[in-house]
Structures are given as structure tokens and as C-alpha cells.
Amino acid sequence: MGRFLLIDISNSFTKVAVAGPKGIGRVRRIPTPELNADRIIEVSGSKPCDKVVLSSVVPAKNGEILTAFPHALVIGPHLELGVGIDYPAPFTIGADRLANAAACAEIGRFPAIVVDFGTAVTFDVLSRKGDYIGGVIAPGLNAMTHYLHEQTALLPLITLREPKSAIGRSTREAMLSGAFHGYRGLIQGIVKNIQAEAFAKKRPFLLATGGDAVLIAKGTKLFDVVDPLLTMRGLLSIAKRN
């Protein structure tokens, strides 16, 4: 296996890692507004990479990266992903969602739902045959708490952590309880509806990834796999397939 530079540009943070024979190395997080080619080159190190893989949901940032790495493999539905696509407009599917589907294909458990806890929380659904068939997009946990702070006069901006109880004994505790218990209820409700609609009595394999995955998923018994590196594993899988 060669040396791969994996770049995942999301709305809040860009994740960059180098993968080699020993697997995926340290993942560096760069605030996406601060992203430029120099930062990527700095992270990649002096040793050249055999292939650069780019997943992006922020098109405005693509140009500079592709100028620095003109031969980068840009994630899209035209590539070999390891899964089929049964979706009306494949090129509207986010590149990170395709990477998550590819990572799920590596595990080989279908049907499946991948829940990615990022700026938005996305649910990607893979059929019994291993086809990407659609999903759900909802506000991310930080987006919800920031909105409450920005749209009210007295509610503070909170630092997310597990609440001690369901009943808050202060404004901050009440907000934490609402965020965590409400958010977990949202996740469980959406998964239940997807399962009933798409899989009937067959329980899908459930995977969680993204920045808030460990924080939210550890308080549920919903997920079979909680892997913050799932998207990166998907990029590496696609690089090998293409």
C-alpha cells in the first residue's frame, strides 16, 4: 500500500490525515474558514504522497486545494465506491456521505444506516443489496445550541457535556438536558422511522461517526459501531478502489 493524503472539507472543520501501510495516521483538524493549500502541505509533511483524496462539501475551498494537488481524486458518484447508488440525483449527494457509504461497504454489513454527527447530522441508508438509497439531514447538536444562544436574550452559549440529570437545576443544566436528551430522542426517532419504512422487521446495522458521535452515541444502546474515523476510512477505501 502506498502513501495517501486524505482531506475531508466540512463546514466547520477540515480533517487531514496521511494513511500508509500501518493505517490512518494522526488526524489534524483545521477550521475550514482558515483552510488553504499551505496548511494542507504543512500537515502532509515532506515525504510525497502517492495519491491525494479530496472530499468536500464547501466548494469555495476546492480551487486552491486542487491547484496545489491537481491530480487529487475528488470524491463523487462517478467513482467505484463499493456500493451501488439508487438515488434520483447522485451528484447532489455530499462527498462525505459517499465516503461513509464506502466505509460501510468495507465492513460489509447490510442493510445499514450511517449517522454522521457534524455541523448537520446526516443519516445515510444502505439497502439490503448494498445500494445507497437516500437519507435524512437534520441540524447538528452545536448548531442547535448556538441557535438558542443567538436567538434569545438570556440563554447562554453552553459547553457541551453529559448532563447529570434530566431535570436541570440551573439554566445551563436545563439547556444541557434539552440538548442531550432531546437530541438523542431525535436520533432514535429518525432511526426508528427509517427502519419501519425501509427494512420492516430487519434490523439494520447502525454506525455512528463525526465530531459529536462519541458524546451522543455513548448514552444510547443504538449503535453497533461508533467510529470517529469512519469518513477517513471511506476515503481510503475509495482511493484503493480507484
Protein backbone atom coordinates (compact mmCIF):
# COMPACT_ATOMS: atom_id res chain seq x y z
CA MET A 1 0.00 0.00 0.00
CA GLY A 2 1.25 3.47 -0.89
CA ARG A 3 1.01 6.73 0.98
CA PHE A 4 -2.33 8.57 0.78
CA LEU A 5 -3.20 12.12 1.79
CA LEU A 6 -6.84 12.18 2.94
CA ILE A 7 -8.67 15.54 3.00
CA ASP A 8 -12.24 15.92 4.26
CA ILE A 9 -13.53 19.50 4.00
CA SER A 10 -16.66 20.01 6.08
CA ASN A 11 -18.46 23.20 7.02
CA SER A 12 -16.85 23.73 10.42
CA PHE A 13 -13.56 21.82 10.28
CA THR A 14 -11.35 20.21 7.67
CA LYS A 15 -9.83 16.88 8.67
CA VAL A 16 -6.49 15.92 7.15
CA ALA A 17 -4.53 12.69 7.64
CA VAL A 18 -1.85 10.64 5.96
CA ALA A 19 -2.50 6.92 5.54
CA GLY A 20 0.18 4.33 4.92
CA PRO A 21 0.92 0.64 5.45
CA LYS A 22 0.18 0.97 9.18
CA GLY A 23 -3.21 2.60 8.61
CA ILE A 24 -4.51 6.13 9.08
CA GLY A 25 -2.17 8.42 10.99
CA ARG A 26 -2.99 11.34 13.22
CA VAL A 27 -5.99 13.36 12.04
CA ARG A 28 -5.39 17.12 12.07
CA ARG A 29 -8.36 19.47 12.36
CA ILE A 30 -8.18 22.86 10.63
CA PRO A 31 -11.04 25.38 10.95
CA THR A 32 -12.42 25.43 7.42
CA PRO A 33 -12.50 29.27 7.19
CA GLU A 34 -8.70 29.18 7.78
CA LEU A 35 -8.05 26.41 5.25
CA ASN A 36 -5.55 26.96 2.46
CA ALA A 37 -3.11 24.86 0.47
CA ASP A 38 -0.16 25.81 2.68
CA ARG A 39 -1.90 24.36 5.74
CA ILE A 40 -2.55 21.11 3.89
CA ILE A 41 1.05 20.87 2.64
CA GLU A 42 2.29 21.52 6.19
CA VAL A 43 0.22 18.65 7.54
CA SER A 44 1.19 16.23 4.75
CA GLY A 45 4.92 16.50 5.60
CA SER A 46 7.98 16.43 3.40
CA LYS A 47 7.54 12.88 2.11
CA PRO A 48 5.47 12.83 -1.11
CA CYS A 49 2.12 11.06 -1.23
CA ASP A 50 1.19 8.61 -3.96
CA LYS A 51 -2.39 9.79 -4.06
CA VAL A 52 -4.41 12.72 -2.69
CA VAL A 53 -8.09 12.13 -1.97
CA LEU A 54 -10.45 15.10 -1.55
CA SER A 55 -13.94 15.05 -0.06
CA SER A 56 -15.55 18.48 0.15
CA VAL A 57 -18.93 19.99 0.96
CA VAL A 58 -17.52 23.54 0.74
CA PRO A 59 -16.95 24.17 -2.99
CA ALA A 60 -15.38 27.60 -2.39
CA LYS A 61 -12.38 25.88 -0.78
CA ASN A 62 -11.78 23.38 -3.58
CA GLY A 63 -9.94 25.59 -6.06
CA GLU A 64 -6.84 26.32 -4.01
CA ILE A 65 -6.54 22.70 -2.89
CA LEU A 66 -6.81 21.45 -6.46
CA THR A 67 -4.24 24.00 -7.63
CA ALA A 68 -1.78 22.58 -5.10
CA PHE A 69 -2.81 18.97 -5.84
CA PRO A 70 -4.10 18.97 -9.45
CA HIS A 71 -4.24 15.17 -9.63
CA ALA A 72 -6.32 14.77 -6.47
CA LEU A 73 -9.07 12.16 -6.59
CA VAL A 74 -12.26 14.14 -5.98
CA ILE A 75 -14.98 12.06 -4.36
CA GLY A 76 -18.18 11.73 -6.38
CA PRO A 77 -20.71 9.14 -7.55
CA HIS A 78 -18.76 8.54 -10.78
CA LEU A 79 -16.11 6.62 -8.83
CA GLU A 80 -16.06 2.98 -7.75
CA LEU A 81 -17.37 3.18 -4.18
CA GLY A 82 -18.07 -0.42 -3.30
CA VAL A 83 -21.79 0.34 -3.13
CA GLY A 84 -24.43 0.94 -5.77
CA ILE A 85 -26.42 4.18 -5.95
CA ASP A 86 -30.20 4.04 -6.23
CA TYR A 87 -30.89 7.76 -5.97
CA PRO A 88 -32.53 10.21 -8.42
CA ALA A 89 -29.73 12.82 -8.46
CA PRO A 90 -26.45 11.10 -7.50
CA PHE A 91 -24.29 14.22 -7.96
CA THR A 92 -26.24 16.02 -5.23
CA ILE A 93 -25.12 13.51 -2.59
CA GLY A 94 -22.48 15.02 -0.30
CA ALA A 95 -18.98 13.63 -0.81
CA ASP A 96 -18.67 12.85 2.91
CA ARG A 97 -21.86 10.81 2.73
CA LEU A 98 -20.47 8.79 -0.18
CA ALA A 99 -17.29 8.21 1.84
CA ASN A 100 -19.34 6.96 4.78
CA ALA A 101 -21.19 4.58 2.49
CA ALA A 102 -17.87 3.31 1.12
CA ALA A 103 -16.59 2.71 4.65
CA CYS A 104 -19.74 0.77 5.43
CA ALA A 105 -19.13 -1.36 2.33
CA GLU A 106 -15.69 -2.28 3.71
CA ILE A 107 -17.41 -3.67 6.81
CA GLY A 108 -19.88 -5.49 4.57
CA ARG A 109 -22.95 -5.37 6.80
CA PHE A 110 -26.22 -4.57 5.00
CA PRO A 111 -28.79 -3.12 5.37
CA ALA A 112 -27.20 -0.26 7.26
CA ILE A 113 -27.69 3.29 8.50
CA VAL A 114 -24.70 5.59 8.98
CA VAL A 115 -25.31 8.57 11.28
CA ASP A 116 -22.71 11.35 10.95
CA PHE A 117 -22.72 13.85 13.83
CA GLY A 118 -21.28 17.04 12.36
CA THR A 119 -22.42 20.61 11.70
CA ALA A 120 -25.51 18.84 10.38
CA VAL A 121 -26.39 15.31 11.45
CA THR A 122 -26.88 13.11 8.41
CA PHE A 123 -28.43 9.67 8.13
CA ASP A 124 -27.36 7.60 5.13
CA VAL A 125 -29.32 4.50 4.28
CA LEU A 126 -27.92 1.43 2.52
CA SER A 127 -30.31 -1.25 1.29
CA ARG A 128 -30.12 -5.00 1.77
CA LYS A 129 -28.36 -5.19 -1.63
CA GLY A 130 -25.79 -2.61 -0.56
CA ASP A 131 -27.20 0.33 -2.54
CA TYR A 132 -27.24 3.90 -1.30
CA ILE A 133 -30.94 4.78 -1.34
CA GLY A 134 -31.16 8.16 0.45
CA GLY A 135 -31.19 9.61 3.90
CA VAL A 136 -32.10 12.38 6.30
CA ILE A 137 -30.44 15.72 7.16
CA ALA A 138 -31.12 17.44 10.49
CA PRO A 139 -29.40 20.25 12.45
CA GLY A 140 -26.25 19.25 14.31
CA LEU A 141 -26.00 19.49 18.09
CA ASN A 142 -23.78 22.57 18.09
CA ALA A 143 -26.00 24.27 15.52
CA MET A 144 -29.00 23.79 17.82
CA THR A 145 -27.28 25.14 20.94
CA HIS A 146 -25.73 28.09 19.07
CA TYR A 147 -29.13 28.97 17.61
CA LEU A 148 -30.71 29.06 21.08
CA HIS A 149 -27.99 31.41 22.32
CA GLU A 150 -28.14 33.69 19.28
CA GLN A 151 -31.93 33.95 19.17
CA THR A 152 -32.61 34.60 22.86
CA ALA A 153 -31.62 37.37 25.25
CA LEU A 154 -30.88 35.29 28.36
CA LEU A 155 -29.80 31.82 27.26
CA PRO A 156 -26.00 31.40 27.40
CA LEU A 157 -23.71 29.65 24.96
CA ILE A 158 -23.01 26.31 26.64
CA THR A 159 -20.07 23.93 26.51
CA LEU A 160 -21.44 20.53 25.62
CA ARG A 161 -21.10 17.73 28.16
CA GLU A 162 -23.23 14.91 29.52
CA PRO A 163 -25.91 16.30 31.87
CA LYS A 164 -26.08 14.88 35.40
CA SER A 165 -29.86 14.50 35.32
CA ALA A 166 -32.87 15.00 33.10
CA ILE A 167 -34.17 17.85 35.28
CA GLY A 168 -31.89 20.86 35.13
CA ARG A 169 -31.36 22.83 38.35
CA SER A 170 -29.93 25.84 36.52
CA THR A 171 -30.36 27.42 33.10
CA ARG A 172 -27.17 25.77 31.83
CA GLU A 173 -28.17 22.37 33.21
CA ALA A 174 -31.63 22.71 31.68
CA MET A 175 -30.09 23.55 28.30
CA LEU A 176 -27.70 20.61 28.52
CA SER A 177 -30.57 18.28 29.35
CA GLY A 178 -32.63 19.60 26.47
CA ALA A 179 -29.71 19.31 24.07
CA PHE A 180 -28.66 15.78 25.01
CA HIS A 181 -31.96 14.09 25.83
CA GLY A 182 -33.77 15.91 23.04
CA TYR A 183 -31.04 15.16 20.54
CA ARG A 184 -30.85 11.50 21.45
CA GLY A 185 -34.62 11.29 21.12
CA LEU A 186 -34.39 12.87 17.67
CA ILE A 187 -31.74 10.32 16.59
CA GLN A 188 -33.70 7.36 17.92
CA GLY A 189 -36.96 8.58 16.38
CA ILE A 190 -35.46 9.09 12.92
CA VAL A 191 -33.73 5.69 13.00
CA LYS A 192 -36.99 4.03 14.05
CA ASN A 193 -38.89 5.67 11.18
CA ILE A 194 -36.22 4.75 8.61
CA GLN A 195 -36.23 1.15 9.80
CA ALA A 196 -40.01 0.87 9.64
CA GLU A 197 -40.16 2.38 6.16
CA ALA A 198 -37.18 0.68 4.51
CA PHE A 199 -36.49 -2.56 6.33
CA ALA A 200 -39.70 -3.70 8.04
CA LYS A 201 -38.66 -6.34 10.59
CA LYS A 202 -34.99 -6.46 9.55
CA ARG A 203 -32.80 -4.51 11.97
CA PRO A 204 -30.17 -2.51 10.06
CA PHE A 205 -26.50 -2.34 11.07
CA LEU A 206 -26.01 1.06 12.73
CA LEU A 207 -22.82 3.10 12.58
CA ALA A 208 -22.04 6.48 14.15
CA THR A 209 -19.29 8.90 13.16
CA GLY A 210 -18.47 12.60 13.25
CA GLY A 211 -17.30 15.07 15.87
CA ASP A 212 -20.14 14.50 18.35
CA ALA A 213 -20.53 10.75 17.78
CA VAL A 214 -18.85 9.55 20.96
CA LEU A 215 -20.54 12.23 23.07
CA ILE A 216 -24.06 11.35 21.88
CA ALA A 217 -23.81 7.66 21.00
CA LYS A 218 -22.30 6.52 24.31
CA GLY A 219 -25.54 7.35 26.08
CA THR A 220 -27.57 5.07 23.82
CA LYS A 221 -27.53 1.36 23.02
CA LEU A 222 -28.45 2.12 19.44
CA PHE A 223 -25.18 1.75 17.54
CA ASP A 224 -23.19 -1.33 16.59
CA VAL A 225 -20.10 0.74 15.68
CA VAL A 226 -19.01 4.18 16.89
CA ASP A 227 -16.03 5.27 14.81
CA PRO A 228 -15.00 8.95 14.56
CA LEU A 229 -12.62 7.97 11.70
CA LEU A 230 -15.29 6.32 9.55
CA THR A 231 -15.27 9.04 6.86
CA MET A 232 -11.47 8.87 6.61
CA ARG A 233 -11.67 5.10 6.30
CA GLY A 234 -14.16 5.60 3.46
CA LEU A 235 -11.79 7.98 1.65
CA LEU A 236 -9.00 5.44 1.95
CA SER A 237 -11.27 2.67 0.68
CA ILE A 238 -12.25 4.76 -2.36
CA ALA A 239 -8.60 5.62 -3.05
CA LYS A 240 -7.73 1.92 -3.14
CA ARG A 241 -10.67 1.11 -5.41
CA ASN A 242 -9.81 3.88 -7.91
